[in-house]
C-alpha atoms as a PDB file:
ATOM      1  CA  UNK A   1       0.133   0.166  -0.359  1.00  0.00           C
ATOM      2  CA  UNK A   2       1.495   2.750  -1.509  1.00  0.00           C
ATOM      3  CA  UNK A   3       1.609   6.015   1.772  1.00  0.00           C
ATOM      4  CA  UNK A   4      -0.168   9.559   0.806  1.00  0.00           C
ATOM      5  CA  UNK A   5       2.921  11.685   0.933  1.00  0.00           C
ATOM      6  CA  UNK A   6       4.447   9.024  -1.964  1.00  0.00           C
ATOM      7  CA  UNK A   7       0.745  10.109  -3.953  1.00  0.00           C
ATOM      8  CA  UNK A   8       1.066  13.182  -3.282  1.00  0.00           C
ATOM      9  CA  UNK A   9       4.275  13.182  -4.729  1.00  0.00           C
ATOM     10  CA  UNK A  10       3.476  11.544  -7.560  1.00  0.00           C
ATOM     11  CA  UNK A  11       0.157  14.200  -7.755  1.00  0.00           C
ATOM     12  CA  UNK A  12       2.720  16.926  -7.530  1.00  0.00           C
ATOM     13  CA  UNK A  13       5.354  15.426 -10.301  1.00  0.00           C
ATOM     14  CA  UNK A  14       2.349  14.852 -12.849  1.00  0.00           C
ATOM     15  CA  UNK A  15       1.334  18.154 -12.239  1.00  0.00           C
ATOM     16  CA  UNK A  16       5.066  19.975 -13.485  1.00  0.00           C
ATOM     17  CA  UNK A  17       5.125  17.811 -16.491  1.00  0.00           C
ATOM     18  CA  UNK A  18       1.254  19.371 -17.000  1.00  0.00           C
ATOM     19  CA  UNK A  19       2.976  22.802 -16.685  1.00  0.00           C
ATOM     20  CA  UNK A  20       5.827  21.889 -18.901  1.00  0.00           C
ATOM     21  CA  UNK A  21       4.197  19.986 -21.619  1.00  0.00           C
ATOM     22  CA  UNK A  22       1.146  23.146 -21.822  1.00  0.00           C
ATOM     23  CA  UNK A  23       4.483  25.478 -21.873  1.00  0.00           C
ATOM     24  CA  UNK A  24       6.277  22.922 -24.418  1.00  0.00           C
ATOM     25  CA  UNK A  25       2.845  22.948 -27.012  1.00  0.00           C
ATOM     26  CA  UNK A  26       1.731  26.689 -26.044  1.00  0.00           C
ATOM     27  CA  UNK A  27       5.214  28.439 -26.625  1.00  0.00           C
ATOM     28  CA  UNK A  28       8.560  26.678 -27.928  1.00  0.00           C
ATOM     29  CA  UNK A  29      10.072  29.432 -29.447  1.00  0.00           C
ATOM     30  CA  UNK A  30       9.869  31.552 -25.668  1.00  0.00           C
ATOM     31  CA  UNK A  31      11.402  28.040 -23.957  1.00  0.00           C
ATOM     32  CA  UNK A  32      13.914  27.988 -26.592  1.00  0.00           C
ATOM     33  CA  UNK A  33      14.778  30.916 -25.267  1.00  0.00           C
ATOM     34  CA  UNK A  34      14.241  30.478 -21.979  1.00  0.00           C
ATOM     35  CA  UNK A  35      16.465  27.519 -21.873  1.00  0.00           C
ATOM     36  CA  UNK A  36      19.797  29.178 -24.217  1.00  0.00           C
ATOM     37  CA  UNK A  37      19.261  32.011 -21.504  1.00  0.00           C
ATOM     38  CA  UNK A  38      19.708  28.595 -18.780  1.00  0.00           C
ATOM     39  CA  UNK A  39      22.723  28.058 -19.775  1.00  0.00           C
ATOM     40  CA  UNK A  40      24.412  31.462 -20.013  1.00  0.00           C
ATOM     41  CA  UNK A  41      23.029  32.670 -16.597  1.00  0.00           C
ATOM     42  CA  UNK A  42      26.454  31.028 -13.501  1.00  0.00           C
ATOM     43  CA  UNK A  43      25.566  28.649 -11.732  1.00  0.00           C
ATOM     44  CA  UNK A  44      25.696  30.466  -8.700  1.00  0.00           C
ATOM     45  CA  UNK A  45      22.987  32.309 -10.241  1.00  0.00           C
ATOM     46  CA  UNK A  46      20.770  28.590 -10.926  1.00  0.00           C
ATOM     47  CA  UNK A  47      22.011  27.629  -7.842  1.00  0.00           C
ATOM     48  CA  UNK A  48      20.042  30.082  -5.501  1.00  0.00           C
ATOM     49  CA  UNK A  49      17.340  30.478  -7.633  1.00  0.00           C
ATOM     50  CA  UNK A  50      16.815  26.795  -8.037  1.00  0.00           C
ATOM     51  CA  UNK A  51      17.190  26.733  -3.424  1.00  0.00           C
ATOM     52  CA  UNK A  52      14.499  29.737  -3.541  1.00  0.00           C
ATOM     53  CA  UNK A  53      12.158  27.353  -5.158  1.00  0.00           C
ATOM     54  CA  UNK A  54      12.397  24.588  -3.809  1.00  0.00           C
ATOM     55  CA  UNK A  55      12.416  26.936  -0.074  1.00  0.00           C
ATOM     56  CA  UNK A  56       8.908  28.169  -1.438  1.00  0.00           C
ATOM     57  CA  UNK A  57       7.914  24.919  -2.816  1.00  0.00           C
ATOM     58  CA  UNK A  58       8.114  23.448   0.711  1.00  0.00           C
ATOM     59  CA  UNK A  59       6.186  26.199   2.614  1.00  0.00           C
ATOM     60  CA  UNK A  60       4.180  25.799   0.016  1.00  0.00           C
ATOM     61  CA  UNK A  61       3.109  22.345   1.076  1.00  0.00           C
ATOM     62  CA  UNK A  62       3.104  22.980   4.403  1.00  0.00           C
ATOM     63  CA  UNK A  63       1.182  25.900   3.809  1.00  0.00           C
ATOM     64  CA  UNK A  64      -1.949  23.895   2.458  1.00  0.00           C
ATOM     65  CA  UNK A  65      -0.854  20.723   4.902  1.00  0.00           C
ATOM     66  CA  UNK A  66      -1.202  22.641   7.934  1.00  0.00           C
END
């Protein structure tokens, strides 16, 4: 039997794929530009944005769960 946390993880992963797929389908040129921009961005900036996004995501999950 799967735990609720694992089911929530799979739901979140599915939503991530759905949003990414919609962005690629609706605006492929914009996504190409975004990927080129990411390639040109220094590693420390990408790490900072990634860490910030993770913290915001964790806060949102905590907020919904409590």
